[in-house]
């Protein structure tokens, strides 16, 4: 087997694994669970799937490594920051709901 066929096979493996993770992470959105659990599964599998797809593309076009590297870095940073923002927003809304209930019970 030549090196070109091995690269092609590895690239396709990473691309299909990433696509599988995209669908696998989207499926829990249809389940009846807490929203944050569903979002966590979605963001983790989406991030890993996207990174695997970018890795598969990097194997196909190694001369584009700066572009793919920047995309991978941006993806990792964006998903981390987005997860923090969502968790912070949920935490703040729970605090506001608790205060509203306290004020409603006091009157």
PDB file of N, CA and C in Angstrom:
ATOM      1  N   UNK A   1       0.847  -1.184   0.000  1.00  0.00           N
ATOM      2  CA  UNK A   1       0.000   0.000   0.000  1.00  0.00           C
ATOM      3  C   UNK A   1       0.889   1.244   0.000  1.00  0.00           C
ATOM      4  N   UNK A   2       0.582   2.171  -0.842  1.00  0.00           N
ATOM      5  CA  UNK A   2       1.432   3.352  -0.949  1.00  0.00           C
ATOM      6  C   UNK A   2       1.093   4.373   0.126  1.00  0.00           C
ATOM      7  N   UNK A   3       1.980   5.315   0.281  1.00  0.00           N
ATOM      8  CA  UNK A   3       1.809   6.373   1.281  1.00  0.00           C
ATOM      9  C   UNK A   3       0.589   7.231   0.953  1.00  0.00           C
ATOM     10  N   UNK A   4       0.341   7.443  -0.317  1.00  0.00           N
ATOM     11  CA  UNK A   4      -0.800   8.264  -0.730  1.00  0.00           C
ATOM     12  C   UNK A   4      -2.115   7.603  -0.313  1.00  0.00           C
ATOM     13  N   UNK A   5      -2.203   6.285  -0.484  1.00  0.00           N
ATOM     14  CA  UNK A   5      -3.425   5.581  -0.077  1.00  0.00           C
ATOM     15  C   UNK A   5      -3.592   5.583   1.434  1.00  0.00           C
ATOM     16  N   UNK A   6      -2.487   5.473   2.179  1.00  0.00           N
ATOM     17  CA  UNK A   6      -2.568   5.535   3.643  1.00  0.00           C
ATOM     18  C   UNK A   6      -3.030   6.913   4.114  1.00  0.00           C
ATOM     19  N   UNK A   7      -2.503   7.964   3.481  1.00  0.00           N
ATOM     20  CA  UNK A   7      -2.939   9.317   3.832  1.00  0.00           C
ATOM     21  C   UNK A   7      -4.419   9.511   3.522  1.00  0.00           C
ATOM     22  N   UNK A   8      -4.836   9.023   2.373  1.00  0.00           N
ATOM     23  CA  UNK A   8      -6.251   9.150   1.981  1.00  0.00           C
ATOM     24  C   UNK A   8      -7.155   8.404   2.955  1.00  0.00           C
ATOM     25  N   UNK A   9      -6.742   7.198   3.343  1.00  0.00           N
ATOM     26  CA  UNK A   9      -7.539   6.403   4.283  1.00  0.00           C
ATOM     27  C   UNK A   9      -7.598   7.079   5.648  1.00  0.00           C
ATOM     28  N   UNK A  10      -6.469   7.599   6.129  1.00  0.00           N
ATOM     29  CA  UNK A  10      -6.452   8.282   7.426  1.00  0.00           C
ATOM     30  C   UNK A  10      -7.312   9.543   7.383  1.00  0.00           C
ATOM     31  N   UNK A  11      -7.220  10.269   6.287  1.00  0.00           N
ATOM     32  CA  UNK A  11      -8.021  11.484   6.144  1.00  0.00           C
ATOM     33  C   UNK A  11      -9.512  11.163   6.166  1.00  0.00           C
ATOM     34  N   UNK A  12      -9.905  10.157   5.405  1.00  0.00           N
ATOM     35  CA  UNK A  12     -11.323   9.772   5.393  1.00  0.00           C
ATOM     36  C   UNK A  12     -11.780   9.259   6.760  1.00  0.00           C
ATOM     37  N   UNK A  13     -10.916   8.536   7.450  1.00  0.00           N
ATOM     38  CA  UNK A  13     -11.255   8.040   8.784  1.00  0.00           C
ATOM     39  C   UNK A  13     -11.543   9.200   9.734  1.00  0.00           C
ATOM     40  N   UNK A  14     -10.664  10.216   9.719  1.00  0.00           N
ATOM     41  CA  UNK A  14     -10.884  11.376  10.587  1.00  0.00           C
ATOM     42  C   UNK A  14     -12.128  12.160  10.176  1.00  0.00           C
ATOM     43  N   UNK A  15     -12.354  12.308   8.892  1.00  0.00           N
ATOM     44  CA  UNK A  15     -13.540  13.038   8.434  1.00  0.00           C
ATOM     45  C   UNK A  15     -14.831  12.328   8.837  1.00  0.00           C
ATOM     46  N   UNK A  16     -14.880  11.016   8.646  1.00  0.00           N
ATOM     47  CA  UNK A  16     -16.094  10.286   9.020  1.00  0.00           C
ATOM     48  C   UNK A  16     -16.269  10.188  10.534  1.00  0.00           C
ATOM     49  N   UNK A  17     -15.158  10.086  11.275  1.00  0.00           N
ATOM     50  CA  UNK A  17     -15.265  10.078  12.744  1.00  0.00           C
ATOM     51  C   UNK A  17     -15.811  11.415  13.244  1.00  0.00           C
ATOM     52  N   UNK A  18     -15.360  12.507  12.651  1.00  0.00           N
ATOM     53  CA  UNK A  18     -15.875  13.829  13.025  1.00  0.00           C
ATOM     54  C   UNK A  18     -17.345  13.987  12.694  1.00  0.00           C
ATOM     55  N   UNK A  19     -17.735  13.506  11.537  1.00  0.00           N
ATOM     56  CA  UNK A  19     -19.149  13.562  11.148  1.00  0.00           C
ATOM     57  C   UNK A  19     -20.010  12.712  12.082  1.00  0.00           C
ATOM     58  N   UNK A  20     -19.501  11.550  12.454  1.00  0.00           N
ATOM     59  CA  UNK A  20     -20.218  10.692  13.404  1.00  0.00           C
ATOM     60  C   UNK A  20     -20.410  11.415  14.739  1.00  0.00           C
ATOM     61  N   UNK A  21     -19.356  12.078  15.234  1.00  0.00           N
ATOM     62  CA  UNK A  21     -19.471  12.795  16.508  1.00  0.00           C
ATOM     63  C   UNK A  21     -20.463  13.944  16.415  1.00  0.00           C
ATOM     64  N   UNK A  22     -20.545  14.591  15.273  1.00  0.00           N
ATOM     65  CA  UNK A  22     -21.539  15.654  15.104  1.00  0.00           C
ATOM     66  C   UNK A  22     -22.948  15.112  15.302  1.00  0.00           C
ATOM     67  N   UNK A  23     -23.262  14.010  14.629  1.00  0.00           N
ATOM     68  CA  UNK A  23     -24.603  13.437  14.743  1.00  0.00           C
ATOM     69  C   UNK A  23     -24.836  12.827  16.116  1.00  0.00           C
ATOM     70  N   UNK A  24     -23.813  12.190  16.681  1.00  0.00           N
ATOM     71  CA  UNK A  24     -23.943  11.559  17.982  1.00  0.00           C
ATOM     72  C   UNK A  24     -24.211  12.608  19.063  1.00  0.00           C
ATOM     73  N   UNK A  25     -23.616  13.769  18.954  1.00  0.00           N
ATOM     74  CA  UNK A  25     -23.843  14.837  19.933  1.00  0.00           C
ATOM     75  C   UNK A  25     -25.153  15.549  19.737  1.00  0.00           C
ATOM     76  N   UNK A  26     -25.681  15.532  18.528  1.00  0.00           N
ATOM     77  CA  UNK A  26     -26.958  16.202  18.271  1.00  0.00           C
ATOM     78  C   UNK A  26     -28.141  15.368  18.735  1.00  0.00           C
ATOM     79  N   UNK A  27     -27.997  14.076  18.767  1.00  0.00           N
ATOM     80  CA  UNK A  27     -29.099  13.200  19.155  1.00  0.00           C
ATOM     81  C   UNK A  27     -29.626  13.475  20.569  1.00  0.00           C
ATOM     82  N   UNK A  28     -28.755  13.727  21.597  1.00  0.00           N
ATOM     83  CA  UNK A  28     -29.289  13.988  22.947  1.00  0.00           C
ATOM     84  C   UNK A  28     -30.176  15.219  23.052  1.00  0.00           C
ATOM     85  N   UNK A  29     -30.155  16.107  22.066  1.00  0.00           N
ATOM     86  CA  UNK A  29     -31.046  17.270  22.114  1.00  0.00           C
ATOM     87  C   UNK A  29     -32.510  16.854  22.088  1.00  0.00           C
ATOM     88  N   UNK A  30     -32.786  15.670  21.549  1.00  0.00           N
ATOM     89  CA  UNK A  30     -34.163  15.187  21.471  1.00  0.00           C
ATOM     90  C   UNK A  30     -34.604  14.471  22.751  1.00  0.00           C
ATOM     91  N   UNK A  31     -33.651  14.196  23.652  1.00  0.00           N
ATOM     92  CA  UNK A  31     -33.985  13.491  24.887  1.00  0.00           C
ATOM     93  C   UNK A  31     -34.613  14.447  25.898  1.00  0.00           C
ATOM     94  N   UNK A  32     -35.229  13.850  26.907  1.00  0.00           N
ATOM     95  CA  UNK A  32     -35.817  14.647  27.987  1.00  0.00           C
ATOM     96  C   UNK A  32     -34.846  14.611  29.160  1.00  0.00           C
ATOM     97  N   UNK A  33     -33.984  15.588  29.209  1.00  0.00           N
ATOM     98  CA  UNK A  33     -32.989  15.741  30.267  1.00  0.00           C
ATOM     99  C   UNK A  33     -32.829  17.230  30.534  1.00  0.00           C
ATOM    100  N   UNK A  34     -32.100  17.566  31.585  1.00  0.00           N
ATOM    101  CA  UNK A  34     -31.850  18.997  31.815  1.00  0.00           C
ATOM    102  C   UNK A  34     -31.099  19.629  30.632  1.00  0.00           C
ATOM    103  N   UNK A  35     -31.414  20.875  30.377  1.00  0.00           N
ATOM    104  CA  UNK A  35     -30.865  21.566  29.219  1.00  0.00           C
ATOM    105  C   UNK A  35     -29.341  21.615  29.243  1.00  0.00           C
ATOM    106  N   UNK A  36     -28.759  21.885  30.394  1.00  0.00           N
ATOM    107  CA  UNK A  36     -27.300  21.993  30.450  1.00  0.00           C
ATOM    108  C   UNK A  36     -26.623  20.661  30.159  1.00  0.00           C
ATOM    109  N   UNK A  37     -27.209  19.549  30.557  1.00  0.00           N
ATOM    110  CA  UNK A  37     -26.646  18.242  30.220  1.00  0.00           C
ATOM    111  C   UNK A  37     -26.646  18.035  28.711  1.00  0.00           C
ATOM    112  N   UNK A  38     -27.744  18.381  28.082  1.00  0.00           N
ATOM    113  CA  UNK A  38     -27.845  18.210  26.630  1.00  0.00           C
ATOM    114  C   UNK A  38     -26.874  19.127  25.903  1.00  0.00           C
ATOM    115  N   UNK A  39     -26.762  20.377  26.363  1.00  0.00           N
ATOM    116  CA  UNK A  39     -25.837  21.310  25.730  1.00  0.00           C
ATOM    117  C   UNK A  39     -24.385  20.887  25.923  1.00  0.00           C
ATOM    118  N   UNK A  40     -24.066  20.324  27.080  1.00  0.00           N
ATOM    119  CA  UNK A  40     -22.710  19.867  27.326  1.00  0.00           C
ATOM    120  C   UNK A  40     -22.329  18.747  26.356  1.00  0.00           C
ATOM    121  N   UNK A  41     -23.214  17.778  26.196  1.00  0.00           N
ATOM    122  CA  UNK A  41     -22.946  16.693  25.253  1.00  0.00           C
ATOM    123  C   UNK A  41     -22.789  17.230  23.836  1.00  0.00           C
ATOM    124  N   UNK A  42     -23.633  18.168  23.473  1.00  0.00           N
ATOM    125  CA  UNK A  42     -23.577  18.735  22.132  1.00  0.00           C
ATOM    126  C   UNK A  42     -22.270  19.475  21.893  1.00  0.00           C
ATOM    127  N   UNK A  43     -21.870  20.331  22.817  1.00  0.00           N
ATOM    128  CA  UNK A  43     -20.675  21.136  22.584  1.00  0.00           C
ATOM    129  C   UNK A  43     -19.405  20.298  22.597  1.00  0.00           C
ATOM    130  N   UNK A  44     -19.337  19.299  23.486  1.00  0.00           N
ATOM    131  CA  UNK A  44     -18.136  18.452  23.528  1.00  0.00           C
ATOM    132  C   UNK A  44     -18.015  17.641  22.245  1.00  0.00           C
ATOM    133  N   UNK A  45     -19.080  16.982  21.845  1.00  0.00           N
ATOM    134  CA  UNK A  45     -18.996  16.158  20.635  1.00  0.00           C
ATOM    135  C   UNK A  45     -18.827  17.016  19.388  1.00  0.00           C
ATOM    136  N   UNK A  46     -19.431  18.192  19.360  1.00  0.00           N
ATOM    137  CA  UNK A  46     -19.276  19.094  18.227  1.00  0.00           C
ATOM    138  C   UNK A  46     -17.839  19.585  18.119  1.00  0.00           C
ATOM    139  N   UNK A  47     -17.238  19.926  19.255  1.00  0.00           N
ATOM    140  CA  UNK A  47     -15.848  20.384  19.242  1.00  0.00           C
ATOM    141  C   UNK A  47     -14.905  19.285  18.774  1.00  0.00           C
ATOM    142  N   UNK A  48     -15.049  18.102  19.346  1.00  0.00           N
ATOM    143  CA  UNK A  48     -14.176  16.999  18.956  1.00  0.00           C
ATOM    144  C   UNK A  48     -14.399  16.608  17.503  1.00  0.00           C
ATOM    145  N   UNK A  49     -15.650  16.583  17.071  1.00  0.00           N
ATOM    146  CA  UNK A  49     -15.945  16.253  15.681  1.00  0.00           C
ATOM    147  C   UNK A  49     -15.342  17.263  14.719  1.00  0.00           C
ATOM    148  N   UNK A  50     -15.453  18.527  15.052  1.00  0.00           N
ATOM    149  CA  UNK A  50     -14.885  19.568  14.186  1.00  0.00           C
ATOM    150  C   UNK A  50     -13.365  19.485  14.153  1.00  0.00           C
ATOM    151  N   UNK A  51     -12.752  19.230  15.312  1.00  0.00           N
ATOM    152  CA  UNK A  51     -11.297  19.092  15.341  1.00  0.00           C
ATOM    153  C   UNK A  51     -10.833  17.884  14.532  1.00  0.00           C
ATOM    154  N   UNK A  52     -11.562  16.784  14.624  1.00  0.00           N
ATOM    155  CA  UNK A  52     -11.193  15.611  13.824  1.00  0.00           C
ATOM    156  C   UNK A  52     -11.338  15.889  12.327  1.00  0.00           C
ATOM    157  N   UNK A  53     -12.383  16.611  11.955  1.00  0.00           N
ATOM    158  CA  UNK A  53     -12.552  16.947  10.545  1.00  0.00           C
ATOM    159  C   UNK A  53     -11.432  17.857  10.054  1.00  0.00           C
ATOM    160  N   UNK A  54     -11.056  18.822  10.872  1.00  0.00           N
ATOM    161  CA  UNK A  54      -9.949  19.694  10.476  1.00  0.00           C
ATOM    162  C   UNK A  54      -8.643  18.903  10.375  1.00  0.00           C
ATOM    163  N   UNK A  55      -8.456  17.935  11.250  1.00  0.00           N
ATOM    164  CA  UNK A  55      -7.270  17.084  11.174  1.00  0.00           C
ATOM    165  C   UNK A  55      -7.281  16.258   9.887  1.00  0.00           C
ATOM    166  N   UNK A  56      -8.446  15.742   9.517  1.00  0.00           N
ATOM    167  CA  UNK A  56      -8.570  15.012   8.261  1.00  0.00           C
ATOM    168  C   UNK A  56      -8.266  15.887   7.055  1.00  0.00           C
ATOM    169  N   UNK A  57      -8.711  17.138   7.102  1.00  0.00           N
ATOM    170  CA  UNK A  57      -8.389  18.067   6.016  1.00  0.00           C
ATOM    171  C   UNK A  57      -6.907  18.434   6.017  1.00  0.00           C
ATOM    172  N   UNK A  58      -6.314  18.525   7.194  1.00  0.00           N
ATOM    173  CA  UNK A  58      -4.893  18.830   7.300  1.00  0.00           C
ATOM    174  C   UNK A  58      -4.045  17.723   6.686  1.00  0.00           C
ATOM    175  N   UNK A  59      -4.468  16.485   6.830  1.00  0.00           N
ATOM    176  CA  UNK A  59      -3.740  15.372   6.212  1.00  0.00           C
ATOM    177  C   UNK A  59      -3.821  15.473   4.690  1.00  0.00           C
ATOM    178  N   UNK A  60      -4.954  15.912   4.187  1.00  0.00           N
ATOM    179  CA  UNK A  60      -5.107  16.051   2.729  1.00  0.00           C
ATOM    180  C   UNK A  60      -4.299  17.213   2.170  1.00  0.00           C
ATOM    181  N   UNK A  61      -4.281  18.319   2.893  1.00  0.00           N
ATOM    182  CA  UNK A  61      -3.577  19.520   2.418  1.00  0.00           C
ATOM    183  C   UNK A  61      -2.622  20.033   3.488  1.00  0.00           C
ATOM    184  N   UNK A  62      -1.472  19.387   3.671  1.00  0.00           N
ATOM    185  CA  UNK A  62      -0.553  19.818   4.729  1.00  0.00           C
ATOM    186  C   UNK A  62       0.039  21.212   4.495  1.00  0.00           C
ATOM    187  N   UNK A  63       0.009  21.708   3.270  1.00  0.00           N
ATOM    188  CA  UNK A  63       0.540  23.038   3.008  1.00  0.00           C
ATOM    189  C   UNK A  63      -0.359  24.144   3.571  1.00  0.00           C
ATOM    190  N   UNK A  64      -1.571  23.807   3.946  1.00  0.00           N
ATOM    191  CA  UNK A  64      -2.478  24.781   4.538  1.00  0.00           C
ATOM    192  C   UNK A  64      -2.469  24.725   6.063  1.00  0.00           C
ATOM    193  N   UNK A  65      -1.413  24.204   6.670  1.00  0.00           N
ATOM    194  CA  UNK A  65      -1.395  24.019   8.120  1.00  0.00           C
ATOM    195  C   UNK A  65      -1.609  25.310   8.908  1.00  0.00           C
ATOM    196  N   UNK A  66      -1.119  26.491   8.476  1.00  0.00           N
ATOM    197  CA  UNK A  66      -1.400  27.690   9.291  1.00  0.00           C
ATOM    198  C   UNK A  66      -2.900  27.989   9.388  1.00  0.00           C
ATOM    199  N   UNK A  67      -3.612  27.829   8.296  1.00  0.00           N
ATOM    200  CA  UNK A  67      -5.053  28.090   8.291  1.00  0.00           C
ATOM    201  C   UNK A  67      -5.791  27.093   9.181  1.00  0.00           C
ATOM    202  N   UNK A  68      -5.456  25.806   9.032  1.00  0.00           N
ATOM    203  CA  UNK A  68      -6.117  24.781   9.850  1.00  0.00           C
ATOM    204  C   UNK A  68      -5.739  24.913  11.322  1.00  0.00           C
ATOM    205  N   UNK A  69      -4.478  25.251  11.591  1.00  0.00           N
ATOM    206  CA  UNK A  69      -4.054  25.452  12.975  1.00  0.00           C
ATOM    207  C   UNK A  69      -4.792  26.596  13.632  1.00  0.00           C
ATOM    208  N   UNK A  70      -4.958  27.686  12.894  1.00  0.00           N
ATOM    209  CA  UNK A  70      -5.702  28.835  13.412  1.00  0.00           C
ATOM    210  C   UNK A  70      -7.173  28.480  13.637  1.00  0.00           C
ATOM    211  N   UNK A  71      -7.734  27.716  12.715  1.00  0.00           N
ATOM    212  CA  UNK A  71      -9.133  27.291  12.874  1.00  0.00           C
ATOM    213  C   UNK A  71      -9.285  26.389  14.097  1.00  0.00           C
ATOM    214  N   UNK A  72      -8.334  25.480  14.308  1.00  0.00           N
ATOM    215  CA  UNK A  72      -8.402  24.593  15.478  1.00  0.00           C
ATOM    216  C   UNK A  72      -8.267  25.379  16.772  1.00  0.00           C
ATOM    217  N   UNK A  73      -7.335  26.310  16.810  1.00  0.00           N
ATOM    218  CA  UNK A  73      -7.152  27.136  18.008  1.00  0.00           C
ATOM    219  C   UNK A  73      -8.398  27.968  18.295  1.00  0.00           C
ATOM    220  N   UNK A  74      -8.938  28.598  17.260  1.00  0.00           N
ATOM    221  CA  UNK A  74     -10.159  29.390  17.437  1.00  0.00           C
ATOM    222  C   UNK A  74     -11.329  28.549  17.909  1.00  0.00           C
ATOM    223  N   UNK A  75     -11.436  27.343  17.373  1.00  0.00           N
ATOM    224  CA  UNK A  75     -12.515  26.446  17.774  1.00  0.00           C
ATOM    225  C   UNK A  75     -12.401  26.064  19.248  1.00  0.00           C
ATOM    226  N   UNK A  76     -11.199  25.732  19.684  1.00  0.00           N
ATOM    227  CA  UNK A  76     -11.012  25.350  21.088  1.00  0.00           C
ATOM    228  C   UNK A  76     -11.286  26.510  22.029  1.00  0.00           C
ATOM    229  N   UNK A  77     -10.800  27.705  21.675  1.00  0.00           N
ATOM    230  CA  UNK A  77     -11.031  28.869  22.537  1.00  0.00           C
ATOM    231  C   UNK A  77     -12.496  29.276  22.548  1.00  0.00           C
ATOM    232  N   UNK A  78     -13.132  29.299  21.387  1.00  0.00           N
ATOM    233  CA  UNK A  78     -14.527  29.720  21.310  1.00  0.00           C
ATOM    234  C   UNK A  78     -15.419  28.796  22.117  1.00  0.00           C
ATOM    235  N   UNK A  79     -15.249  27.489  21.983  1.00  0.00           N
ATOM    236  CA  UNK A  79     -16.113  26.563  22.719  1.00  0.00           C
ATOM    237  C   UNK A  79     -15.896  26.653  24.216  1.00  0.00           C
ATOM    238  N   UNK A  80     -14.667  26.898  24.650  1.00  0.00           N
ATOM    239  CA  UNK A  80     -14.408  27.058  26.086  1.00  0.00           C
ATOM    240  C   UNK A  80     -15.100  28.307  26.613  1.00  0.00           C
ATOM    241  N   UNK A  81     -14.948  29.409  25.907  1.00  0.00           N
ATOM    242  CA  UNK A  81     -15.560  30.668  26.340  1.00  0.00           C
ATOM    243  C   UNK A  81     -17.080  30.579  26.273  1.00  0.00           C
ATOM    244  N   UNK A  82     -17.611  29.971  25.208  1.00  0.00           N
ATOM    245  CA  UNK A  82     -19.059  29.827  25.069  1.00  0.00           C
ATOM    246  C   UNK A  82     -19.637  28.985  26.214  1.00  0.00           C
ATOM    247  N   UNK A  83     -18.962  27.895  26.566  1.00  0.00           N
ATOM    248  CA  UNK A  83     -19.431  27.057  27.681  1.00  0.00           C
ATOM    249  C   UNK A  83     -19.453  27.838  28.986  1.00  0.00           C
ATOM    250  N   UNK A  84     -18.434  28.650  29.207  1.00  0.00           N
ATOM    251  CA  UNK A  84     -18.387  29.468  30.416  1.00  0.00           C
ATOM    252  C   UNK A  84     -19.527  30.489  30.434  1.00  0.00           C
ATOM    253  N   UNK A  85     -19.773  31.133  29.307  1.00  0.00           N
ATOM    254  CA  UNK A  85     -20.821  32.158  29.234  1.00  0.00           C
ATOM    255  C   UNK A  85     -22.195  31.538  29.493  1.00  0.00           C
ATOM    256  N   UNK A  86     -22.462  30.380  28.910  1.00  0.00           N
ATOM    257  CA  UNK A  86     -23.759  29.715  29.117  1.00  0.00           C
ATOM    258  C   UNK A  86     -23.917  29.318  30.587  1.00  0.00           C
ATOM    259  N   UNK A  87     -22.875  28.726  31.169  1.00  0.00           N
ATOM    260  CA  UNK A  87     -22.958  28.317  32.577  1.00  0.00           C
ATOM    261  C   UNK A  87     -23.145  29.525  33.497  1.00  0.00           C
ATOM    262  N   UNK A  88     -22.453  30.606  33.202  1.00  0.00           N
ATOM    263  CA  UNK A  88     -22.590  31.814  34.014  1.00  0.00           C
ATOM    264  C   UNK A  88     -24.001  32.405  33.907  1.00  0.00           C
ATOM    265  N   UNK A  89     -24.543  32.399  32.692  1.00  0.00           N
ATOM    266  CA  UNK A  89     -25.902  32.915  32.503  1.00  0.00           C
ATOM    267  C   UNK A  89     -26.934  32.089  33.247  1.00  0.00           C
ATOM    268  N   UNK A  90     -26.784  30.786  33.223  1.00  0.00           N
ATOM    269  CA  UNK A  90     -27.720  29.918  33.947  1.00  0.00           C
ATOM    270  C   UNK A  90     -27.584  30.140  35.450  1.00  0.00           C
ATOM    271  N   UNK A  91     -26.356  30.279  35.917  1.00  0.00           N
ATOM    272  CA  UNK A  91     -26.135  30.508  37.345  1.00  0.00           C
ATOM    273  C   UNK A  91     -26.776  31.826  37.783  1.00  0.00           C
ATOM    274  N   UNK A  92     -26.592  32.884  36.992  1.00  0.00           N
ATOM    275  CA  UNK A  92     -27.181  34.179  37.328  1.00  0.00           C
ATOM    276  C   UNK A  92     -28.710  34.124  37.320  1.00  0.00           C
ATOM    277  N   UNK A  93     -29.278  33.417  36.343  1.00  0.00           N
ATOM    278  CA  UNK A  93     -30.739  33.359  36.291  1.00  0.00           C
ATOM    279  C   UNK A  93     -31.290  32.573  37.471  1.00  0.00           C
ATOM    280  N   UNK A  94     -30.571  31.558  37.912  1.00  0.00           N
ATOM    281  CA  UNK A  94     -31.029  30.810  39.095  1.00  0.00           C
ATOM    282  C   UNK A  94     -30.963  31.669  40.342  1.00  0.00           C
ATOM    283  N   UNK A  95     -29.918  32.501  40.457  1.00  0.00           N
ATOM    284  CA  UNK A  95     -29.831  33.400  41.602  1.00  0.00           C
ATOM    285  C   UNK A  95     -30.976  34.420  41.590  1.00  0.00           C
ATOM    286  N   UNK A  96     -31.281  34.960  40.406  1.00  0.00           N
ATOM    287  CA  UNK A  96     -32.384  35.923  40.301  1.00  0.00           C
ATOM    288  C   UNK A  96     -33.728  35.274  40.622  1.00  0.00           C
ATOM    289  N   UNK A  97     -33.918  34.038  40.176  1.00  0.00           N
ATOM    290  CA  UNK A  97     -35.165  33.334  40.489  1.00  0.00           C
ATOM    291  C   UNK A  97     -35.290  33.063  41.975  1.00  0.00           C
ATOM    292  N   UNK A  98     -34.187  32.715  42.620  1.00  0.00           N
ATOM    293  CA  UNK A  98     -34.215  32.465  44.066  1.00  0.00           C
ATOM    294  C   UNK A  98     -34.546  33.751  44.826  1.00  0.00           C
ATOM    295  N   UNK A  99     -33.957  34.884  44.412  1.00  0.00           N
ATOM    296  CA  UNK A  99     -34.261  36.160  45.062  1.00  0.00           C
ATOM    297  C   UNK A  99     -35.715  36.556  44.849  1.00  0.00           C
ATOM    298  N   UNK A 100     -36.224  36.339  43.641  1.00  0.00           N
ATOM    299  CA  UNK A 100     -37.621  36.665  43.352  1.00  0.00           C
ATOM    300  C   UNK A 100     -38.557  35.837  44.196  1.00  0.00           C
ATOM    301  N   UNK A 101     -38.232  34.575  44.409  1.00  0.00           N
ATOM    302  CA  UNK A 101     -39.067  33.726  45.254  1.00  0.00           C
ATOM    303  C   UNK A 101     -39.014  34.175  46.701  1.00  0.00           C
ATOM    304  N   UNK A 102     -37.854  34.591  47.161  1.00  0.00           N
ATOM    305  CA  UNK A 102     -37.717  35.100  48.543  1.00  0.00           C
ATOM    306  C   UNK A 102     -38.573  36.331  48.730  1.00  0.00           C
ATOM    307  N   UNK A 103     -38.501  37.247  47.784  1.00  0.00           N
ATOM    308  CA  UNK A 103     -39.289  38.481  47.882  1.00  0.00           C
ATOM    309  C   UNK A 103     -40.779  38.193  47.781  1.00  0.00           C
ATOM    310  N   UNK A 104     -41.141  37.221  46.972  1.00  0.00           N
ATOM    311  CA  UNK A 104     -42.552  36.860  46.843  1.00  0.00           C
ATOM    312  C   UNK A 104     -43.077  36.188  48.108  1.00  0.00           C
ATOM    313  N   UNK A 105     -42.238  35.417  48.777  1.00  0.00           N
ATOM    314  CA  UNK A 105     -42.648  34.747  50.023  1.00  0.00           C
ATOM    315  C   UNK A 105     -42.712  35.731  51.191  1.00  0.00           C
ATOM    316  N   UNK A 106     -41.882  36.776  51.173  1.00  0.00           N
ATOM    317  CA  UNK A 106     -41.840  37.717  52.264  1.00  0.00           C
ATOM    318  C   UNK A 106     -43.058  38.634  52.307  1.00  0.00           C
ATOM    319  N   UNK A 107     -43.684  38.860  51.163  1.00  0.00           N
ATOM    320  CA  UNK A 107     -44.808  39.804  51.157  1.00  0.00           C
ATOM    321  C   UNK A 107     -46.122  39.159  51.439  1.00  0.00           C
TER     322      UNK A 107
END
